[in-house]
Amino acid sequence: MLTICLSLRQICDLKQPFDGYTHTQMRKVYSGKERPKIAKSCPDQIKELLPRTWDQNIAKRPELEEVIEVVGKVITDMCGDSYLLDVTNRTALSYDRGNR
């Protein structure tokens, strides 16, 4: 889940997740005392999702299906094309608009 979370954050920020962090800051991240800041430009649904993905209590973290659903909705909202991601069978569909 952490890898997915960091990848989403990197996509939103368009930079490496811990760019510029010191060794001390990284120790805080790994111990769970500090988490990376979320970019203001990040979609609201992702801003709400990210902190839950790195919750100290594993039981409070979202299931992968929920993460996929939220990301799919963000893609659909941004692109206006729901055919880009089929969340029912978790596969990317053809980008060829003629094959919908």
PDB file of N, CA and C in Angstrom:
ATOM      1  N   MET A   1       0.826  -1.191   0.000  1.00  0.00           N
ATOM      2  CA  MET A   1       0.000   0.000   0.000  1.00  0.00           C
ATOM      3  C   MET A   1       0.873   1.257   0.000  1.00  0.00           C
ATOM      4  N   LEU A   2       1.982   1.207   0.726  1.00  0.00           N
ATOM      5  CA  LEU A   2       2.858   2.375   0.789  1.00  0.00           C
ATOM      6  C   LEU A   2       3.398   2.726  -0.600  1.00  0.00           C
ATOM      7  N   THR A   3       3.765   1.722  -1.365  1.00  0.00           N
ATOM      8  CA  THR A   3       4.286   1.963  -2.709  1.00  0.00           C
ATOM      9  C   THR A   3       3.239   2.631  -3.589  1.00  0.00           C
ATOM     10  N   ILE A   4       2.006   2.167  -3.506  1.00  0.00           N
ATOM     11  CA  ILE A   4       0.916   2.764  -4.281  1.00  0.00           C
ATOM     12  C   ILE A   4       0.709   4.206  -3.844  1.00  0.00           C
ATOM     13  N   CYS A   5       0.699   4.424  -2.547  1.00  0.00           N
ATOM     14  CA  CYS A   5       0.521   5.768  -1.999  1.00  0.00           C
ATOM     15  C   CYS A   5       1.613   6.710  -2.493  1.00  0.00           C
ATOM     16  N   LEU A   6       2.852   6.259  -2.429  1.00  0.00           N
ATOM     17  CA  LEU A   6       3.966   7.107  -2.866  1.00  0.00           C
ATOM     18  C   LEU A   6       3.909   7.368  -4.370  1.00  0.00           C
ATOM     19  N   SER A   7       3.483   6.381  -5.127  1.00  0.00           N
ATOM     20  CA  SER A   7       3.336   6.571  -6.579  1.00  0.00           C
ATOM     21  C   SER A   7       2.260   7.602  -6.894  1.00  0.00           C
ATOM     22  N   LEU A   8       1.135   7.534  -6.199  1.00  0.00           N
ATOM     23  CA  LEU A   8       0.063   8.522  -6.396  1.00  0.00           C
ATOM     24  C   LEU A   8       0.549   9.923  -6.038  1.00  0.00           C
ATOM     25  N   ARG A   9       1.256  10.012  -4.936  1.00  0.00           N
ATOM     26  CA  ARG A   9       1.778  11.311  -4.515  1.00  0.00           C
ATOM     27  C   ARG A   9       2.770  11.846  -5.533  1.00  0.00           C
ATOM     28  N   GLN A  10       3.617  10.970  -6.057  1.00  0.00           N
ATOM     29  CA  GLN A  10       4.602  11.391  -7.054  1.00  0.00           C
ATOM     30  C   GLN A  10       3.917  11.880  -8.327  1.00  0.00           C
ATOM     31  N   ILE A  11       2.846  11.213  -8.730  1.00  0.00           N
ATOM     32  CA  ILE A  11       2.086  11.643  -9.905  1.00  0.00           C
ATOM     33  C   ILE A  11       1.485  13.023  -9.666  1.00  0.00           C
ATOM     34  N   CYS A  12       0.946  13.252  -8.486  1.00  0.00           N
ATOM     35  CA  CYS A  12       0.330  14.548  -8.170  1.00  0.00           C
ATOM     36  C   CYS A  12       1.366  15.665  -8.073  1.00  0.00           C
ATOM     37  N   ASP A  13       2.514  15.359  -7.469  1.00  0.00           N
ATOM     38  CA  ASP A  13       3.544  16.380  -7.245  1.00  0.00           C
ATOM     39  C   ASP A  13       4.473  16.578  -8.440  1.00  0.00           C
ATOM     40  N   LEU A  14       4.572  15.557  -9.278  1.00  0.00           N
ATOM     41  CA  LEU A  14       5.510  15.555 -10.407  1.00  0.00           C
ATOM     42  C   LEU A  14       6.957  15.713  -9.945  1.00  0.00           C
ATOM     43  N   LYS A  15       7.272  15.077  -8.791  1.00  0.00           N
ATOM     44  CA  LYS A  15       8.653  15.050  -8.299  1.00  0.00           C
ATOM     45  C   LYS A  15       8.837  13.822  -7.410  1.00  0.00           C
ATOM     46  N   GLN A  16      10.090  13.493  -7.107  1.00  0.00           N
ATOM     47  CA  GLN A  16      10.395  12.339  -6.271  1.00  0.00           C
ATOM     48  C   GLN A  16       9.763  12.507  -4.890  1.00  0.00           C
ATOM     49  N   PRO A  17       9.228  11.425  -4.310  1.00  0.00           N
ATOM     50  CA  PRO A  17       8.533  11.525  -3.028  1.00  0.00           C
ATOM     51  C   PRO A  17       9.321  12.163  -1.888  1.00  0.00           C
ATOM     52  N   PHE A  18      10.596  11.879  -1.742  1.00  0.00           N
ATOM     53  CA  PHE A  18      11.350  12.388  -0.601  1.00  0.00           C
ATOM     54  C   PHE A  18      12.517  13.261  -1.041  1.00  0.00           C
ATOM     55  N   ASP A  19      12.333  13.938  -2.143  1.00  0.00           N
ATOM     56  CA  ASP A  19      13.374  14.810  -2.673  1.00  0.00           C
ATOM     57  C   ASP A  19      13.718  15.890  -1.648  1.00  0.00           C
ATOM     58  N   GLY A  20      15.002  15.968  -1.272  1.00  0.00           N
ATOM     59  CA  GLY A  20      15.450  16.990  -0.338  1.00  0.00           C
ATOM     60  C   GLY A  20      15.340  16.613   1.131  1.00  0.00           C
ATOM     61  N   TYR A  21      14.810  15.420   1.440  1.00  0.00           N
ATOM     62  CA  TYR A  21      14.702  15.000   2.836  1.00  0.00           C
ATOM     63  C   TYR A  21      16.084  14.650   3.383  1.00  0.00           C
ATOM     64  N   THR A  22      16.321  14.995   4.635  1.00  0.00           N
ATOM     65  CA  THR A  22      17.567  14.622   5.311  1.00  0.00           C
ATOM     66  C   THR A  22      17.426  13.198   5.864  1.00  0.00           C
ATOM     67  N   HIS A  23      18.542  12.653   6.315  1.00  0.00           N
ATOM     68  CA  HIS A  23      18.530  11.319   6.919  1.00  0.00           C
ATOM     69  C   HIS A  23      17.594  11.296   8.139  1.00  0.00           C
ATOM     70  N   THR A  24      17.621  12.333   8.930  1.00  0.00           N
ATOM     71  CA  THR A  24      16.762  12.415  10.120  1.00  0.00           C
ATOM     72  C   THR A  24      15.287  12.433   9.728  1.00  0.00           C
ATOM     73  N   GLN A  25      14.952  13.196   8.700  1.00  0.00           N
ATOM     74  CA  GLN A  25      13.565  13.247   8.245  1.00  0.00           C
ATOM     75  C   GLN A  25      13.116  11.880   7.720  1.00  0.00           C
ATOM     76  N   MET A  26      13.998  11.187   7.003  1.00  0.00           N
ATOM     77  CA  MET A  26      13.657   9.867   6.482  1.00  0.00           C
ATOM     78  C   MET A  26      13.419   8.870   7.614  1.00  0.00           C
ATOM     79  N   ARG A  27      14.182   8.964   8.691  1.00  0.00           N
ATOM     80  CA  ARG A  27      13.964   8.083   9.839  1.00  0.00           C
ATOM     81  C   ARG A  27      12.581   8.325  10.430  1.00  0.00           C
ATOM     82  N   LYS A  28      12.147   9.576  10.465  1.00  0.00           N
ATOM     83  CA  LYS A  28      10.809   9.896  10.976  1.00  0.00           C
ATOM     84  C   LYS A  28       9.727   9.328  10.069  1.00  0.00           C
ATOM     85  N   VAL A  29       9.971   9.373   8.771  1.00  0.00           N
ATOM     86  CA  VAL A  29       9.009   8.815   7.814  1.00  0.00           C
ATOM     87  C   VAL A  29       8.886   7.311   8.040  1.00  0.00           C
ATOM     88  N   TYR A  30      10.020   6.619   8.109  1.00  0.00           N
ATOM     89  CA  TYR A  30       9.994   5.165   8.272  1.00  0.00           C
ATOM     90  C   TYR A  30       9.427   4.730   9.611  1.00  0.00           C
ATOM     91  N   SER A  31       9.564   5.562  10.629  1.00  0.00           N
ATOM     92  CA  SER A  31       9.005   5.213  11.937  1.00  0.00           C
ATOM     93  C   SER A  31       7.529   5.583  12.029  1.00  0.00           C
ATOM     94  N   GLY A  32       7.006   6.259  11.011  1.00  0.00           N
ATOM     95  CA  GLY A  32       5.595   6.616  10.999  1.00  0.00           C
ATOM     96  C   GLY A  32       5.285   7.925  11.685  1.00  0.00           C
ATOM     97  N   LYS A  33       6.310   8.665  12.088  1.00  0.00           N
ATOM     98  CA  LYS A  33       6.087   9.928  12.793  1.00  0.00           C
ATOM     99  C   LYS A  33       5.900  11.104  11.842  1.00  0.00           C
ATOM    100  N   GLU A  34       6.291  10.933  10.602  1.00  0.00           N
ATOM    101  CA  GLU A  34       6.185  12.026   9.634  1.00  0.00           C
ATOM    102  C   GLU A  34       5.799  11.446   8.274  1.00  0.00           C
ATOM    103  N   ARG A  35       4.975  12.167   7.555  1.00  0.00           N
ATOM    104  CA  ARG A  35       4.584  11.751   6.214  1.00  0.00           C
ATOM    105  C   ARG A  35       4.817  12.908   5.259  1.00  0.00           C
ATOM    106  N   PRO A  36       5.039  12.602   3.982  1.00  0.00           N
ATOM    107  CA  PRO A  36       5.269  13.670   3.003  1.00  0.00           C
ATOM    108  C   PRO A  36       4.045  14.568   2.879  1.00  0.00           C
ATOM    109  N   LYS A  37       4.284  15.823   2.573  1.00  0.00           N
ATOM    110  CA  LYS A  37       3.179  16.760   2.346  1.00  0.00           C
ATOM    111  C   LYS A  37       2.536  16.438   1.005  1.00  0.00           C
ATOM    112  N   ILE A  38       1.250  16.738   0.913  1.00  0.00           N
ATOM    113  CA  ILE A  38       0.494  16.492  -0.316  1.00  0.00           C
ATOM    114  C   ILE A  38       0.365  17.816  -1.061  1.00  0.00           C
ATOM    115  N   ALA A  39       0.668  17.804  -2.339  1.00  0.00           N
ATOM    116  CA  ALA A  39       0.623  19.015  -3.154  1.00  0.00           C
ATOM    117  C   ALA A  39      -0.781  19.600  -3.206  1.00  0.00           C
ATOM    118  N   LYS A  40      -0.863  20.911  -3.228  1.00  0.00           N
ATOM    119  CA  LYS A  40      -2.158  21.583  -3.340  1.00  0.00           C
ATOM    120  C   LYS A  40      -2.848  21.254  -4.655  1.00  0.00           C
ATOM    121  N   SER A  41      -2.051  20.950  -5.677  1.00  0.00           N
ATOM    122  CA  SER A  41      -2.605  20.654  -7.000  1.00  0.00           C
ATOM    123  C   SER A  41      -3.191  19.247  -7.099  1.00  0.00           C
ATOM    124  N   CYS A  42      -2.983  18.440  -6.080  1.00  0.00           N
ATOM    125  CA  CYS A  42      -3.483  17.065  -6.069  1.00  0.00           C
ATOM    126  C   CYS A  42      -5.011  17.074  -6.006  1.00  0.00           C
ATOM    127  N   PRO A  43      -5.691  16.226  -6.795  1.00  0.00           N
ATOM    128  CA  PRO A  43      -7.164  16.182  -6.729  1.00  0.00           C
ATOM    129  C   PRO A  43      -7.654  15.881  -5.307  1.00  0.00           C
ATOM    130  N   ASP A  44      -8.778  16.476  -4.943  1.00  0.00           N
ATOM    131  CA  ASP A  44      -9.314  16.339  -3.586  1.00  0.00           C
ATOM    132  C   ASP A  44      -9.507  14.878  -3.167  1.00  0.00           C
ATOM    133  N   GLN A  45      -9.996  14.040  -4.094  1.00  0.00           N
ATOM    134  CA  GLN A  45     -10.223  12.631  -3.740  1.00  0.00           C
ATOM    135  C   GLN A  45      -8.912  11.942  -3.356  1.00  0.00           C
ATOM    136  N   ILE A  46      -7.832  12.301  -4.048  1.00  0.00           N
ATOM    137  CA  ILE A  46      -6.524  11.718  -3.736  1.00  0.00           C
ATOM    138  C   ILE A  46      -5.990  12.300  -2.422  1.00  0.00           C
ATOM    139  N   LYS A  47      -6.218  13.601  -2.197  1.00  0.00           N
ATOM    140  CA  LYS A  47      -5.802  14.221  -0.927  1.00  0.00           C
ATOM    141  C   LYS A  47      -6.451  13.530   0.265  1.00  0.00           C
ATOM    142  N   GLU A  48      -7.706  13.138   0.105  1.00  0.00           N
ATOM    143  CA  GLU A  48      -8.418  12.453   1.184  1.00  0.00           C
ATOM    144  C   GLU A  48      -7.945  11.011   1.338  1.00  0.00           C
ATOM    145  N   LEU A  49      -7.573  10.391   0.238  1.00  0.00           N
ATOM    146  CA  LEU A  49      -7.180   8.994   0.250  1.00  0.00           C
ATOM    147  C   LEU A  49      -5.771   8.768   0.809  1.00  0.00           C
ATOM    148  N   LEU A  50      -4.817   9.597   0.410  1.00  0.00           N
ATOM    149  CA  LEU A  50      -3.412   9.368   0.763  1.00  0.00           C
ATOM    150  C   LEU A  50      -3.158   9.199   2.260  1.00  0.00           C
ATOM    151  N   PRO A  51      -3.642  10.103   3.113  1.00  0.00           N
ATOM    152  CA  PRO A  51      -3.367   9.923   4.552  1.00  0.00           C
ATOM    153  C   PRO A  51      -3.918   8.608   5.102  1.00  0.00           C
ATOM    154  N   ARG A  52      -5.011   8.137   4.536  1.00  0.00           N
ATOM    155  CA  ARG A  52      -5.576   6.864   4.990  1.00  0.00           C
ATOM    156  C   ARG A  52      -4.691   5.688   4.583  1.00  0.00           C
ATOM    157  N   THR A  53      -4.001   5.800   3.444  1.00  0.00           N
ATOM    158  CA  THR A  53      -3.169   4.686   2.981  1.00  0.00           C
ATOM    159  C   THR A  53      -1.942   4.481   3.847  1.00  0.00           C
ATOM    160  N   TRP A  54      -1.525   5.525   4.565  1.00  0.00           N
ATOM    161  CA  TRP A  54      -0.345   5.371   5.421  1.00  0.00           C
ATOM    162  C   TRP A  54      -0.697   5.471   6.903  1.00  0.00           C
ATOM    163  N   ASP A  55      -1.960   5.235   7.249  1.00  0.00           N
ATOM    164  CA  ASP A  55      -2.389   5.254   8.646  1.00  0.00           C
ATOM    165  C   ASP A  55      -1.582   4.230   9.448  1.00  0.00           C
ATOM    166  N   GLN A  56      -1.180   4.603  10.660  1.00  0.00           N
ATOM    167  CA  GLN A  56      -0.425   3.697  11.533  1.00  0.00           C
ATOM    168  C   GLN A  56      -1.211   2.415  11.810  1.00  0.00           C
ATOM    169  N   ASN A  57      -2.531   2.551  11.941  1.00  0.00           N
ATOM    170  CA  ASN A  57      -3.396   1.405  12.194  1.00  0.00           C
ATOM    171  C   ASN A  57      -3.751   0.758  10.855  1.00  0.00           C
ATOM    172  N   ILE A  58      -3.198  -0.411  10.612  1.00  0.00           N
ATOM    173  CA  ILE A  58      -3.398  -1.090   9.326  1.00  0.00           C
ATOM    174  C   ILE A  58      -4.881  -1.318   9.040  1.00  0.00           C
ATOM    175  N   ALA A  59      -5.675  -1.555  10.063  1.00  0.00           N
ATOM    176  CA  ALA A  59      -7.103  -1.813   9.879  1.00  0.00           C
ATOM    177  C   ALA A  59      -7.843  -0.597   9.310  1.00  0.00           C
ATOM    178  N   LYS A  60      -7.277   0.595   9.483  1.00  0.00           N
ATOM    179  CA  LYS A  60      -7.910   1.819   8.977  1.00  0.00           C
ATOM    180  C   LYS A  60      -7.515   2.132   7.533  1.00  0.00           C
ATOM    181  N   ARG A  61      -6.526   1.416   7.000  1.00  0.00           N
ATOM    182  CA  ARG A  61      -6.086   1.661   5.631  1.00  0.00           C
ATOM    183  C   ARG A  61      -7.120   1.124   4.649  1.00  0.00           C
ATOM    184  N   PRO A  62      -7.288   1.807   3.517  1.00  0.00           N
ATOM    185  CA  PRO A  62      -8.272   1.337   2.534  1.00  0.00           C
ATOM    186  C   PRO A  62      -7.796   0.058   1.848  1.00  0.00           C
ATOM    187  N   GLU A  63      -8.742  -0.707   1.361  1.00  0.00           N
ATOM    188  CA  GLU A  63      -8.430  -1.895   0.560  1.00  0.00           C
ATOM    189  C   GLU A  63      -7.966  -1.424  -0.818  1.00  0.00           C
ATOM    190  N   LEU A  64      -7.222  -2.256  -1.505  1.00  0.00           N
ATOM    191  CA  LEU A  64      -6.721  -1.922  -2.829  1.00  0.00           C
ATOM    192  C   LEU A  64      -7.866  -1.603  -3.785  1.00  0.00           C
ATOM    193  N   GLU A  65      -8.974  -2.309  -3.665  1.00  0.00           N
ATOM    194  CA  GLU A  65     -10.136  -2.068  -4.534  1.00  0.00           C
ATOM    195  C   GLU A  65     -10.636  -0.632  -4.412  1.00  0.00           C
ATOM    196  N   GLU A  66     -10.649  -0.106  -3.176  1.00  0.00           N
ATOM    197  CA  GLU A  66     -11.085   1.272  -2.969  1.00  0.00           C
ATOM    198  C   GLU A  66     -10.114   2.259  -3.618  1.00  0.00           C
ATOM    199  N   VAL A  67      -8.814   1.986  -3.482  1.00  0.00           N
ATOM    200  CA  VAL A  67      -7.809   2.848  -4.096  1.00  0.00           C
ATOM    201  C   VAL A  67      -8.004   2.877  -5.609  1.00  0.00           C
ATOM    202  N   ILE A  68      -8.194   1.710  -6.208  1.00  0.00           N
ATOM    203  CA  ILE A  68      -8.408   1.616  -7.654  1.00  0.00           C
ATOM    204  C   ILE A  68      -9.668   2.373  -8.056  1.00  0.00           C
ATOM    205  N   GLU A  69     -10.715   2.239  -7.267  1.00  0.00           N
ATOM    206  CA  GLU A  69     -11.976   2.923  -7.562  1.00  0.00           C
ATOM    207  C   GLU A  69     -11.810   4.448  -7.516  1.00  0.00           C
ATOM    208  N   VAL A  70     -11.131   4.945  -6.487  1.00  0.00           N
ATOM    209  CA  VAL A  70     -10.919   6.392  -6.345  1.00  0.00           C
ATOM    210  C   VAL A  70     -10.066   6.920  -7.498  1.00  0.00           C
ATOM    211  N   VAL A  71      -8.977   6.224  -7.803  1.00  0.00           N
ATOM    212  CA  VAL A  71      -8.100   6.657  -8.903  1.00  0.00           C
ATOM    213  C   VAL A  71      -8.863   6.625 -10.220  1.00  0.00           C
ATOM    214  N   GLY A  72      -9.655   5.589 -10.439  1.00  0.00           N
ATOM    215  CA  GLY A  72     -10.470   5.511 -11.656  1.00  0.00           C
ATOM    216  C   GLY A  72     -11.444   6.667 -11.770  1.00  0.00           C
ATOM    217  N   LYS A  73     -12.059   7.045 -10.646  1.00  0.00           N
ATOM    218  CA  LYS A  73     -12.991   8.178 -10.660  1.00  0.00           C
ATOM    219  C   LYS A  73     -12.262   9.478 -10.969  1.00  0.00           C
ATOM    220  N   VAL A  74     -11.084   9.658 -10.400  1.00  0.00           N
ATOM    221  CA  VAL A  74     -10.303  10.867 -10.665  1.00  0.00           C
ATOM    222  C   VAL A  74      -9.944  10.943 -12.147  1.00  0.00           C
ATOM    223  N   ILE A  75      -9.515   9.813 -12.714  1.00  0.00           N
ATOM    224  CA  ILE A  75      -9.183   9.781 -14.145  1.00  0.00           C
ATOM    225  C   ILE A  75     -10.410  10.124 -14.976  1.00  0.00           C
ATOM    226  N   THR A  76     -11.536   9.530 -14.631  1.00  0.00           N
ATOM    227  CA  THR A  76     -12.778   9.797 -15.362  1.00  0.00           C
ATOM    228  C   THR A  76     -13.175  11.256 -15.247  1.00  0.00           C
ATOM    229  N   ASP A  77     -13.086  11.821 -14.031  1.00  0.00           N
ATOM    230  CA  ASP A  77     -13.441  13.223 -13.816  1.00  0.00           C
ATOM    231  C   ASP A  77     -12.530  14.162 -14.606  1.00  0.00           C
ATOM    232  N   MET A  78     -11.244  13.820 -14.658  1.00  0.00           N
ATOM    233  CA  MET A  78     -10.282  14.681 -15.344  1.00  0.00           C
ATOM    234  C   MET A  78     -10.384  14.560 -16.862  1.00  0.00           C
ATOM    235  N   CYS A  79     -10.627  13.340 -17.337  1.00  0.00           N
ATOM    236  CA  CYS A  79     -10.618  13.090 -18.782  1.00  0.00           C
ATOM    237  C   CYS A  79     -12.009  13.131 -19.393  1.00  0.00           C
ATOM    238  N   GLY A  80     -13.003  12.876 -18.569  1.00  0.00           N
ATOM    239  CA  GLY A  80     -14.359  12.839 -19.088  1.00  0.00           C
ATOM    240  C   GLY A  80     -14.667  11.575 -19.862  1.00  0.00           C
ATOM    241  N   ASP A  81     -13.776  10.611 -19.827  1.00  0.00           N
ATOM    242  CA  ASP A  81     -13.957   9.373 -20.569  1.00  0.00           C
ATOM    243  C   ASP A  81     -13.904   8.186 -19.621  1.00  0.00           C
ATOM    244  N   SER A  82     -15.046   7.606 -19.324  1.00  0.00           N
ATOM    245  CA  SER A  82     -15.074   6.485 -18.383  1.00  0.00           C
ATOM    246  C   SER A  82     -14.513   5.208 -18.976  1.00  0.00           C
ATOM    247  N   TYR A  83     -14.267   5.182 -20.276  1.00  0.00           N
ATOM    248  CA  TYR A  83     -13.752   3.970 -20.889  1.00  0.00           C
ATOM    249  C   TYR A  83     -12.259   3.773 -20.645  1.00  0.00           C
ATOM    250  N   LEU A  84     -11.568   4.748 -20.060  1.00  0.00           N
ATOM    251  CA  LEU A  84     -10.131   4.625 -19.842  1.00  0.00           C
ATOM    252  C   LEU A  84      -9.787   3.553 -18.816  1.00  0.00           C
ATOM    253  N   LEU A  85     -10.658   3.324 -17.860  1.00  0.00           N
ATOM    254  CA  LEU A  85     -10.382   2.341 -16.828  1.00  0.00           C
ATOM    255  C   LEU A  85     -11.654   1.583 -16.517  1.00  0.00           C
ATOM    256  N   ASP A  86     -11.595   0.283 -16.632  1.00  0.00           N
ATOM    257  CA  ASP A  86     -12.737  -0.557 -16.311  1.00  0.00           C
ATOM    258  C   ASP A  86     -12.508  -1.099 -14.904  1.00  0.00           C
ATOM    259  N   VAL A  87     -13.149  -0.494 -13.904  1.00  0.00           N
ATOM    260  CA  VAL A  87     -12.912  -0.888 -12.514  1.00  0.00           C
ATOM    261  C   VAL A  87     -13.615  -2.189 -12.159  1.00  0.00           C
ATOM    262  N   THR A  88     -14.465  -2.702 -13.047  1.00  0.00           N
ATOM    263  CA  THR A  88     -15.126  -3.964 -12.754  1.00  0.00           C
ATOM    264  C   THR A  88     -14.166  -5.134 -12.857  1.00  0.00           C
ATOM    265  N   ASN A  89     -13.353  -5.139 -13.908  1.00  0.00           N
ATOM    266  CA  ASN A  89     -12.416  -6.256 -14.034  1.00  0.00           C
ATOM    267  C   ASN A  89     -10.966  -5.816 -13.879  1.00  0.00           C
ATOM    268  N   ARG A  90     -10.737  -4.570 -13.473  1.00  0.00           N
ATOM    269  CA  ARG A  90      -9.419  -4.037 -13.146  1.00  0.00           C
ATOM    270  C   ARG A  90      -8.434  -4.090 -14.314  1.00  0.00           C
ATOM    271  N   THR A  91      -8.935  -3.876 -15.516  1.00  0.00           N
ATOM    272  CA  THR A  91      -8.025  -3.871 -16.665  1.00  0.00           C
ATOM    273  C   THR A  91      -8.163  -2.567 -17.424  1.00  0.00           C
ATOM    274  N   ALA A  92      -7.061  -2.126 -17.967  1.00  0.00           N
ATOM    275  CA  ALA A  92      -7.096  -0.931 -18.809  1.00  0.00           C
ATOM    276  C   ALA A  92      -7.732  -1.312 -20.133  1.00  0.00           C
ATOM    277  N   LEU A  93      -8.596  -0.464 -20.628  1.00  0.00           N
ATOM    278  CA  LEU A  93      -9.258  -0.729 -21.901  1.00  0.00           C
ATOM    279  C   LEU A  93      -8.512  -0.064 -23.031  1.00  0.00           C
ATOM    280  N   SER A  94      -8.896  -0.378 -24.226  1.00  0.00           N
ATOM    281  CA  SER A  94      -8.251   0.161 -25.414  1.00  0.00           C
ATOM    282  C   SER A  94      -8.418   1.665 -25.477  1.00  0.00           C
ATOM    283  N   TYR A  95      -7.359   2.354 -25.850  1.00  0.00           N
ATOM    284  CA  TYR A  95      -7.429   3.803 -26.029  1.00  0.00           C
ATOM    285  C   TYR A  95      -7.958   4.160 -27.403  1.00  0.00           C
ATOM    286  N   ASP A  96      -8.084   3.170 -28.259  1.00  0.00           N
ATOM    287  CA  ASP A  96      -8.614   3.397 -29.590  1.00  0.00           C
ATOM    288  C   ASP A  96     -10.110   3.642 -29.472  1.00  0.00           C
ATOM    289  N   ARG A  97     -10.526   4.872 -29.655  1.00  0.00           N
ATOM    290  CA  ARG A  97     -11.938   5.234 -29.456  1.00  0.00           C
ATOM    291  C   ARG A  97     -12.878   4.459 -30.373  1.00  0.00           C
ATOM    292  N   GLY A  98     -12.376   3.959 -31.471  1.00  0.00           N
ATOM    293  CA  GLY A  98     -13.217   3.212 -32.384  1.00  0.00           C
ATOM    294  C   GLY A  98     -13.552   1.814 -31.862  1.00  0.00           C
ATOM    295  N   ASN A  99     -12.861   1.358 -30.820  1.00  0.00           N
ATOM    296  CA  ASN A  99     -13.080   0.014 -30.305  1.00  0.00           C
ATOM    297  C   ASN A  99     -13.828   0.008 -28.983  1.00  0.00           C
ATOM    298  N   ARG A 100     -14.623   1.001 -28.718  1.00  0.00           N
ATOM    299  CA  ARG A 100     -15.360   1.041 -27.442  1.00  0.00           C
ATOM    300  C   ARG A 100     -16.463   0.049 -27.423  1.00  0.00           C
TER     301      ARG A 100
END
